Amino acid sequence: MKTFIVSLALVILFNIYTVFQIDMDVYKMQLERLKHVAEECADSAALFYDTEQFSYGKIIYNQYEGEKAILYMLKSLLYCDNGLKPTAGYWQDKILYDVYFIDDSTVTFPYLFIDNITGYSKYVFEPTVIVTIEAGRGRMRLPFLSITSSVRSSAYEHIN
């Protein structure tokens, strides 16, 4: 009987360990995917700039069109509805994002950028679009494994 109880305990422990490893592998993969989405959002928003000011050598981003591009990318790549609540996929909570348009109209370069969500700081020397995405909780199967927030950030720098 003692052998049976020890064997059963080892099987249960092995199953918990296996589920934990699978969940963490999926979480790591989804974090890389979230990084890719942040890069795509920053790249898409940086495509919209004032062409007239560009002809004078200044880069001024069109923030309205950039925000629309970011929303479109978030909805299509993270499978969100109009309120940025995921309808399918890995993430459960509402997607929050911050976008920073650092261009010739807003700052003088070099500029010390500090992200509000992560606290990350960096000197910016060129016009840049920075997107930070906070995706919230993922789908974990073990109740004691709770990662409450998943944040990824990416920047697109326009080099002259």
Protein backbone atom coordinates (compact mmCIF):
# COMPACT_ATOMS: atom_id res chain seq x y z
CA MET A 1 0.00 0.00 0.00
CA LYS A 2 2.87 2.34 0.81
CA THR A 3 4.29 1.81 -2.69
CA PHE A 4 0.95 2.63 -4.25
CA ILE A 5 0.57 5.89 -2.28
CA VAL A 6 4.12 7.02 -3.09
CA SER A 7 3.63 6.14 -6.77
CA LEU A 8 0.34 8.02 -6.91
CA ALA A 9 1.93 11.06 -5.26
CA LEU A 10 4.78 10.99 -7.78
CA VAL A 11 2.36 10.75 -10.70
CA ILE A 12 0.35 13.73 -9.39
CA LEU A 13 3.53 15.73 -8.80
CA PHE A 14 4.81 14.90 -12.27
CA ASN A 15 1.49 15.96 -13.82
CA ILE A 16 1.58 19.31 -11.98
CA TYR A 17 5.15 19.87 -13.13
CA THR A 18 4.29 19.01 -16.73
CA VAL A 19 1.28 21.34 -16.82
CA PHE A 20 3.41 24.10 -15.27
CA GLN A 21 6.11 23.65 -17.93
CA ILE A 22 3.57 23.67 -20.76
CA ASP A 23 1.86 26.81 -19.42
CA MET A 24 5.17 28.63 -19.01
CA ASP A 25 6.29 27.68 -22.52
CA VAL A 26 3.04 28.97 -23.98
CA TYR A 27 3.35 32.15 -21.89
CA LYS A 28 6.88 32.78 -23.18
CA MET A 29 5.71 32.26 -26.74
CA GLN A 30 2.79 34.64 -26.24
CA LEU A 31 5.11 37.29 -24.75
CA GLU A 32 7.24 37.10 -27.90
CA ARG A 33 4.08 37.44 -29.96
CA LEU A 34 3.07 40.46 -27.86
CA LYS A 35 6.49 41.99 -28.58
CA HIS A 36 5.88 41.43 -32.29
CA VAL A 37 2.49 43.14 -32.02
CA ALA A 38 4.07 46.13 -30.23
CA GLU A 39 6.67 46.39 -33.01
CA GLU A 40 4.00 46.26 -35.69
CA CYS A 41 1.97 48.94 -33.90
CA ALA A 42 4.95 51.28 -33.59
CA ASP A 43 5.94 50.72 -37.23
CA SER A 44 2.39 51.29 -38.46
CA ALA A 45 1.94 54.49 -36.46
CA ALA A 46 5.25 55.89 -37.71
CA LEU A 47 4.10 55.60 -41.32
CA PHE A 48 1.75 58.54 -40.87
CA TYR A 49 3.60 61.85 -40.87
CA ASP A 50 3.07 65.34 -42.31
CA THR A 51 4.51 65.24 -45.83
CA GLU A 52 4.63 69.02 -46.16
CA GLN A 53 6.75 69.40 -43.03
CA PHE A 54 8.86 66.47 -44.20
CA SER A 55 9.73 68.42 -47.34
CA TYR A 56 11.22 71.08 -45.02
CA GLY A 57 13.28 68.46 -43.20
CA LYS A 58 11.02 68.08 -40.15
CA ILE A 59 9.32 64.88 -39.10
CA ILE A 60 5.95 65.51 -37.46
CA TYR A 61 3.74 62.48 -36.91
CA ASN A 62 0.02 62.49 -37.65
CA GLN A 63 -1.12 61.28 -34.25
CA TYR A 64 -4.76 60.78 -35.19
CA GLU A 65 -3.98 58.44 -38.09
CA GLY A 66 -1.26 56.75 -36.05
CA GLU A 67 -3.73 55.97 -33.25
CA LYS A 68 -6.18 54.53 -35.78
CA ALA A 69 -3.43 52.31 -37.21
CA ILE A 70 -2.50 51.09 -33.72
CA LEU A 71 -6.12 50.26 -32.89
CA TYR A 72 -6.49 48.37 -36.15
CA MET A 73 -3.31 46.37 -35.51
CA LEU A 74 -4.36 45.54 -31.93
CA LYS A 75 -7.82 44.42 -33.03
CA SER A 76 -6.55 42.25 -35.85
CA LEU A 77 -3.43 40.75 -34.27
CA LEU A 78 -4.75 40.17 -30.73
CA TYR A 79 -8.33 39.27 -31.79
CA CYS A 80 -10.02 42.10 -29.88
CA ASP A 81 -13.42 43.70 -30.19
CA ASN A 82 -13.92 47.48 -30.44
CA GLY A 83 -13.40 47.88 -26.68
CA LEU A 84 -10.04 46.04 -26.93
CA LYS A 85 -11.39 43.06 -24.98
CA PRO A 86 -9.97 39.84 -26.48
CA THR A 87 -12.64 37.63 -28.00
CA ALA A 88 -10.30 34.72 -28.75
CA GLY A 89 -6.67 33.88 -28.28
CA TYR A 90 -4.49 33.75 -25.19
CA TRP A 91 -5.14 36.96 -23.25
CA GLN A 92 -8.14 37.39 -20.92
CA ASP A 93 -8.13 41.02 -19.76
CA LYS A 94 -8.78 44.21 -21.66
CA ILE A 95 -5.74 45.32 -23.65
CA LEU A 96 -4.31 48.66 -22.50
CA TYR A 97 -1.74 50.59 -24.48
CA ASP A 98 0.22 53.82 -24.37
CA VAL A 99 1.68 55.48 -27.42
CA TYR A 100 4.25 58.26 -27.39
CA PHE A 101 4.87 60.37 -30.48
CA ILE A 102 8.23 62.07 -30.04
CA ASP A 103 8.87 64.31 -33.03
CA ASP A 104 10.18 67.73 -34.03
CA SER A 105 6.99 69.50 -32.94
CA THR A 106 6.88 68.20 -29.36
CA VAL A 107 10.46 68.06 -28.04
CA THR A 108 14.02 69.14 -28.66
CA PHE A 109 16.56 66.39 -29.09
CA PRO A 110 18.16 64.70 -27.19
CA TYR A 111 15.11 63.95 -25.07
CA LEU A 112 14.93 61.79 -21.94
CA PHE A 113 11.96 59.46 -22.36
CA ILE A 114 10.46 57.76 -19.31
CA ASP A 115 7.68 55.20 -19.84
CA ASN A 116 4.71 55.64 -17.47
CA ILE A 117 3.88 51.93 -17.22
CA THR A 118 7.30 50.28 -17.02
CA GLY A 119 9.45 53.13 -15.72
CA TYR A 120 11.96 52.45 -18.49
CA SER A 121 14.07 55.48 -19.40
CA LYS A 122 16.04 56.15 -22.56
CA TYR A 123 17.56 59.11 -24.35
CA VAL A 124 15.88 59.68 -27.70
CA PHE A 125 17.93 61.38 -30.42
CA GLU A 126 15.63 61.01 -33.44
CA PRO A 127 11.86 61.23 -34.02
CA THR A 128 10.40 58.09 -32.48
CA VAL A 129 7.09 56.33 -31.92
CA ILE A 130 7.00 54.20 -28.77
CA VAL A 131 4.14 51.77 -28.07
CA THR A 132 3.69 49.98 -24.73
CA ILE A 133 1.07 47.23 -24.53
CA GLU A 134 -0.28 45.83 -21.27
CA ALA A 135 -2.12 42.59 -21.98
CA GLY A 136 -3.04 41.50 -18.46
CA ARG A 137 -3.50 37.86 -17.49
CA GLY A 138 -2.92 34.90 -19.73
CA ARG A 139 -4.73 31.59 -19.71
CA MET A 140 -2.99 29.51 -17.03
CA ARG A 141 -4.44 26.16 -15.97
CA LEU A 142 -2.99 25.99 -12.47
CA PRO A 143 -4.80 28.23 -9.95
CA PHE A 144 -1.66 29.03 -7.93
CA LEU A 145 0.18 30.26 -11.04
CA SER A 146 -1.11 33.75 -11.62
CA ILE A 147 0.81 36.28 -13.68
CA THR A 148 -1.26 39.41 -13.28
CA SER A 149 0.29 41.67 -15.89
CA SER A 150 2.19 41.19 -19.13
CA VAL A 151 3.79 44.30 -20.60
CA ARG A 152 5.80 44.68 -23.79
CA SER A 153 7.13 47.84 -25.36
CA SER A 154 8.61 48.67 -28.73
CA ALA A 155 9.84 51.75 -30.56
CA TYR A 156 10.27 52.82 -34.15
CA GLU A 157 12.99 55.40 -34.65
CA HIS A 158 13.09 57.49 -37.81
CA ILE A 159 16.77 57.88 -38.65
CA ASN A 160 17.71 60.88 -40.74
